[in-house]
Amino acid sequence: MNDHDTFTASDLISNTMDSFCYEIILDPMARAQKNDRLKYFMDQIESTKSKRLQTCMALVDLILRLDGDQNDSEAKLDYWDYKKWTEFVKDFQNLRDELAPKAFTDNDLFTKRFIDALKFCNLQRALSVIRLEVEDAMNMPKGSDILIDEHEEAGLYTFIQENFTSGDGLYEHLTSLFKTTRGMNVKLKPVRQIDQIMKSRKDLSIERFVKVLERLLQNWYVAVFPSPIWVMIGY
């Protein structure tokens, strides 16, 4: 096989991977099957992936980490794991920095909507600590306060103070879950009250967050990446 044939084979695989990325990002029903096929091709072309394809696959990775039903890997975003939320937020920011200069449309996808989404990422990041504490408190006597040690639990209240502003709504949603916030130890309200608050305020819903962020990531993909050649020709 000569150099030209080798390049053509590599290009064929890249176009195929492009098509799989397209389907994984935009079609939730196709994710499990297409992700398995994408992994196979990733192994074949690991050393020759283009920068564009690498960026596209970084977007695929975020989509799959959000979609727990289609991802059983260790990288899956655990809604109770503060460290995984921290990693997810970092990768989300890095992807935005990578994609924003490539956007061909003059819109707010990479500015205002990104900033709004980042706030909700940090909201869920804070809630991950609260969810875990509530889960651990299920066996406590009814009405018991839940104590959070700021030194041990990622400085939750400090994190809220640094990332949210009083009057923005999200700050009030989060602080409504606390009973006291004095010193380095903060107390959450009893489990039943927290459950009622979480169910009554849609901004705290993890399901709603996942849908909104997935839609933003899909819009990023459409704004930056041209349709794969196999999609364009209807293959």
Protein backbone atom coordinates (compact mmCIF):
# COMPACT_ATOMS: atom_id res chain seq x y z
CA MET A 1 0.00 0.00 0.00
CA ASN A 2 1.50 3.36 -0.99
CA ASP A 3 1.33 6.68 0.91
CA HIS A 4 -1.68 7.84 -1.07
CA ASP A 5 -3.65 4.71 -0.19
CA THR A 6 -2.71 5.07 3.49
CA PHE A 7 -3.91 8.66 3.57
CA THR A 8 -7.16 7.72 1.87
CA ALA A 9 -7.83 4.94 4.39
CA SER A 10 -7.13 7.28 7.30
CA ASP A 11 -9.36 9.94 5.77
CA LEU A 12 -12.14 7.37 5.32
CA ILE A 13 -11.96 6.41 9.00
CA SER A 14 -11.93 10.07 10.05
CA ASN A 15 -15.07 10.76 8.01
CA THR A 16 -16.73 7.73 9.57
CA MET A 17 -15.81 8.91 13.08
CA ASP A 18 -17.16 12.36 12.18
CA SER A 19 -20.49 10.74 11.34
CA PHE A 20 -20.57 8.80 14.61
CA CYS A 21 -19.84 12.01 16.57
CA TYR A 22 -22.70 13.73 14.75
CA GLU A 23 -25.16 11.00 15.73
CA ILE A 24 -23.97 10.71 19.35
CA ILE A 25 -24.25 14.45 19.93
CA LEU A 26 -27.57 15.07 18.20
CA ASP A 27 -29.45 11.78 18.59
CA PRO A 28 -29.75 10.40 22.16
CA MET A 29 -31.34 7.18 20.88
CA ALA A 30 -28.23 6.34 18.85
CA ARG A 31 -25.65 6.95 21.55
CA ALA A 32 -25.03 3.48 22.94
CA GLN A 33 -24.56 1.80 19.56
CA LYS A 34 -22.62 4.62 17.91
CA ASN A 35 -20.35 5.11 20.92
CA ASP A 36 -19.30 1.44 20.77
CA ARG A 37 -18.44 1.85 17.10
CA LEU A 38 -16.64 5.14 17.72
CA LYS A 39 -14.44 3.48 20.38
CA TYR A 40 -13.43 0.82 17.85
CA PHE A 41 -12.29 3.41 15.31
CA MET A 42 -10.57 5.49 18.01
CA ASP A 43 -8.21 2.56 18.58
CA GLN A 44 -7.45 2.32 14.86
CA ILE A 45 -6.65 5.99 14.30
CA GLU A 46 -5.37 7.17 17.69
CA SER A 47 -2.12 8.56 16.29
CA THR A 48 -3.64 10.33 13.29
CA LYS A 49 -6.73 12.12 14.65
CA SER A 50 -6.99 15.69 13.39
CA LYS A 51 -7.26 18.58 15.85
CA ARG A 52 -10.81 19.15 14.64
CA LEU A 53 -11.77 15.55 15.32
CA GLN A 54 -10.13 15.66 18.75
CA THR A 55 -12.19 18.73 19.64
CA CYS A 56 -15.36 17.10 18.33
CA MET A 57 -14.68 14.03 20.44
CA ALA A 58 -14.14 16.21 23.52
CA LEU A 59 -17.69 17.46 22.95
CA VAL A 60 -18.88 13.87 22.60
CA ASP A 61 -17.20 13.06 25.92
CA LEU A 62 -19.12 15.80 27.75
CA ILE A 63 -22.41 14.68 26.20
CA LEU A 64 -21.81 11.08 27.27
CA ARG A 65 -20.78 12.08 30.79
CA LEU A 66 -24.07 13.97 31.13
CA ASP A 67 -26.12 11.10 29.75
CA GLY A 68 -25.89 8.54 32.54
CA ASP A 69 -28.17 6.06 30.72
CA GLN A 70 -25.68 5.69 27.89
CA ASN A 71 -22.43 5.67 29.85
CA ASP A 72 -21.17 3.09 32.31
CA SER A 73 -17.54 4.22 32.38
CA GLU A 74 -15.62 5.57 35.36
CA ALA A 75 -15.72 9.01 33.71
CA LYS A 76 -19.52 9.11 34.05
CA LEU A 77 -20.69 12.22 35.87
CA ASP A 78 -21.82 11.15 39.33
CA TYR A 79 -24.43 13.63 40.55
CA TRP A 80 -23.25 13.07 44.14
CA ASP A 81 -19.52 13.45 43.43
CA TYR A 82 -18.12 16.97 43.94
CA LYS A 83 -14.72 16.07 42.43
CA LYS A 84 -16.28 14.78 39.21
CA TRP A 85 -18.39 17.91 38.95
CA THR A 86 -15.21 19.98 39.37
CA GLU A 87 -13.54 18.04 36.55
CA PHE A 88 -16.64 18.39 34.36
CA VAL A 89 -16.80 22.17 34.88
CA LYS A 90 -13.10 22.51 34.00
CA ASP A 91 -13.53 20.46 30.80
CA PHE A 92 -16.67 22.43 29.91
CA GLN A 93 -14.76 25.70 30.21
CA ASN A 94 -11.82 24.35 28.20
CA LEU A 95 -14.11 23.19 25.42
CA ARG A 96 -15.77 26.58 25.22
CA ASP A 97 -12.34 28.27 24.95
CA GLU A 98 -11.46 25.85 22.15
CA LEU A 99 -14.70 26.29 20.19
CA ALA A 100 -15.49 29.99 20.62
CA PRO A 101 -12.85 31.28 18.13
CA LYS A 102 -14.16 28.79 15.54
CA ALA A 103 -17.80 29.90 15.69
CA PHE A 104 -19.03 31.28 12.37
CA THR A 105 -22.24 32.79 13.71
CA ASP A 106 -22.64 35.98 15.69
CA ASN A 107 -24.68 34.77 18.65
CA ASP A 108 -24.52 34.45 22.41
CA LEU A 109 -23.84 30.70 22.52
CA PHE A 110 -20.28 31.19 23.73
CA THR A 111 -20.84 34.30 25.86
CA LYS A 112 -24.08 34.94 27.72
CA ARG A 113 -25.49 31.43 27.39
CA PHE A 114 -22.16 29.91 28.35
CA ILE A 115 -21.95 32.11 31.46
CA ASP A 116 -25.52 31.18 32.42
CA ALA A 117 -24.76 27.49 31.90
CA LEU A 118 -21.58 27.78 33.97
CA LYS A 119 -23.61 29.19 36.87
CA PHE A 120 -25.92 26.18 36.72
CA CYS A 121 -22.91 23.85 36.52
CA ASN A 122 -21.63 25.39 39.73
CA LEU A 123 -25.12 25.16 41.22
CA GLN A 124 -25.16 21.41 40.61
CA ARG A 125 -21.58 21.22 41.86
CA ALA A 126 -22.71 22.66 45.20
CA LEU A 127 -25.83 20.49 45.26
CA SER A 128 -23.68 17.37 44.82
CA VAL A 129 -22.35 17.88 48.35
CA ILE A 130 -25.84 18.47 49.71
CA ARG A 131 -27.24 15.39 47.93
CA LEU A 132 -24.54 13.21 49.46
CA GLU A 133 -25.09 14.64 52.93
CA VAL A 134 -28.84 14.12 52.64
CA GLU A 135 -28.31 10.54 51.47
CA ASP A 136 -26.06 9.86 54.46
CA ALA A 137 -28.61 11.43 56.81
CA MET A 138 -31.52 9.23 55.75
CA ASN A 139 -30.97 6.95 58.76
CA MET A 140 -30.77 9.81 61.25
CA PRO A 141 -33.67 10.48 63.64
CA LYS A 142 -36.53 12.40 62.01
CA GLY A 143 -36.00 16.17 62.12
CA SER A 144 -32.25 15.95 62.80
CA ASP A 145 -30.05 18.76 61.51
CA ILE A 146 -27.34 17.86 59.01
CA LEU A 147 -23.95 19.27 59.96
CA ILE A 148 -21.40 20.02 57.23
CA ASP A 149 -17.75 20.51 58.16
CA GLU A 150 -16.36 23.22 55.87
CA HIS A 151 -12.89 21.73 56.15
CA GLU A 152 -13.99 18.29 55.00
CA GLU A 153 -16.73 19.05 52.47
CA ALA A 154 -14.95 21.19 49.89
CA GLY A 155 -15.75 24.44 51.73
CA LEU A 156 -19.35 24.32 50.52
CA TYR A 157 -20.64 27.55 52.00
CA THR A 158 -17.43 29.38 51.03
CA PHE A 159 -17.85 28.04 47.48
CA ILE A 160 -21.41 29.38 47.36
CA GLN A 161 -20.29 32.80 48.60
CA GLU A 162 -17.56 32.96 45.94
CA ASN A 163 -19.60 31.78 42.95
CA PHE A 164 -23.07 33.23 43.51
CA THR A 165 -24.37 36.72 44.16
CA SER A 166 -27.13 37.62 46.54
CA GLY A 167 -30.19 38.59 44.52
CA ASP A 168 -29.46 36.35 41.50
CA GLY A 169 -32.01 33.74 42.55
CA LEU A 170 -29.60 30.83 42.57
CA TYR A 171 -27.90 32.13 45.69
CA GLU A 172 -31.26 32.30 47.45
CA HIS A 173 -32.18 28.78 46.27
CA LEU A 174 -28.97 27.35 47.72
CA THR A 175 -28.97 29.26 50.99
CA SER A 176 -32.61 28.30 51.58
CA LEU A 177 -31.32 24.76 52.18
CA PHE A 178 -29.27 25.88 55.18
CA LYS A 179 -30.46 26.27 58.74
CA THR A 180 -27.37 28.07 60.07
CA THR A 181 -24.13 29.25 58.43
CA ARG A 182 -22.02 30.43 61.36
CA GLY A 183 -18.32 29.67 61.68
CA MET A 184 -16.68 26.80 59.81
CA ASN A 185 -19.57 24.43 60.46
CA VAL A 186 -22.86 24.91 58.66
CA LYS A 187 -26.15 23.13 59.24
CA LEU A 188 -28.55 21.99 56.57
CA LYS A 189 -32.26 21.87 57.21
CA PRO A 190 -33.83 18.47 57.99
CA VAL A 191 -34.09 16.00 55.12
CA ARG A 192 -37.83 16.41 54.63
CA GLN A 193 -37.59 20.19 54.28
CA ILE A 194 -34.68 19.92 51.82
CA ASP A 195 -36.65 17.40 49.77
CA GLN A 196 -39.63 19.75 49.61
CA ILE A 197 -37.46 22.70 48.55
CA MET A 198 -35.66 20.67 45.88
CA LYS A 199 -38.94 19.47 44.37
CA SER A 200 -40.57 22.92 44.41
CA ARG A 201 -37.78 24.85 42.64
CA LYS A 202 -37.17 23.82 39.06
CA ASP A 203 -33.78 25.58 38.93
CA LEU A 204 -32.48 22.92 41.34
CA SER A 205 -33.62 20.03 39.16
CA ILE A 206 -30.77 17.87 37.85
CA GLU A 207 -33.00 16.55 35.06
CA ARG A 208 -33.75 20.06 33.84
CA PHE A 209 -30.08 21.02 34.05
CA VAL A 210 -29.00 18.02 31.96
CA LYS A 211 -31.52 18.85 29.22
CA VAL A 212 -30.52 22.53 29.09
CA LEU A 213 -26.78 21.85 29.02
CA GLU A 214 -27.10 19.07 26.46
CA ARG A 215 -29.01 21.44 24.20
CA LEU A 216 -26.28 24.08 24.55
CA LEU A 217 -23.59 21.54 23.66
CA GLN A 218 -25.62 20.44 20.64
CA ASN A 219 -25.93 24.08 19.53
CA TRP A 220 -22.17 24.51 19.91
CA TYR A 221 -21.64 21.54 17.64
CA VAL A 222 -24.03 22.83 14.97
CA ALA A 223 -22.50 26.33 15.11
CA VAL A 224 -18.89 25.20 14.72
CA PHE A 225 -18.75 21.89 12.85
CA PRO A 226 -19.90 21.34 9.25
CA SER A 227 -22.13 18.34 8.65
CA PRO A 228 -20.08 15.15 8.13
CA ILE A 229 -19.65 14.08 4.52
CA TRP A 230 -21.61 10.85 5.08
CA VAL A 231 -24.55 12.84 6.45
CA MET A 232 -24.43 15.32 3.56
CA ILE A 233 -24.63 12.58 0.95
CA GLY A 234 -27.27 10.66 2.91
CA TYR A 235 -25.15 7.58 3.47
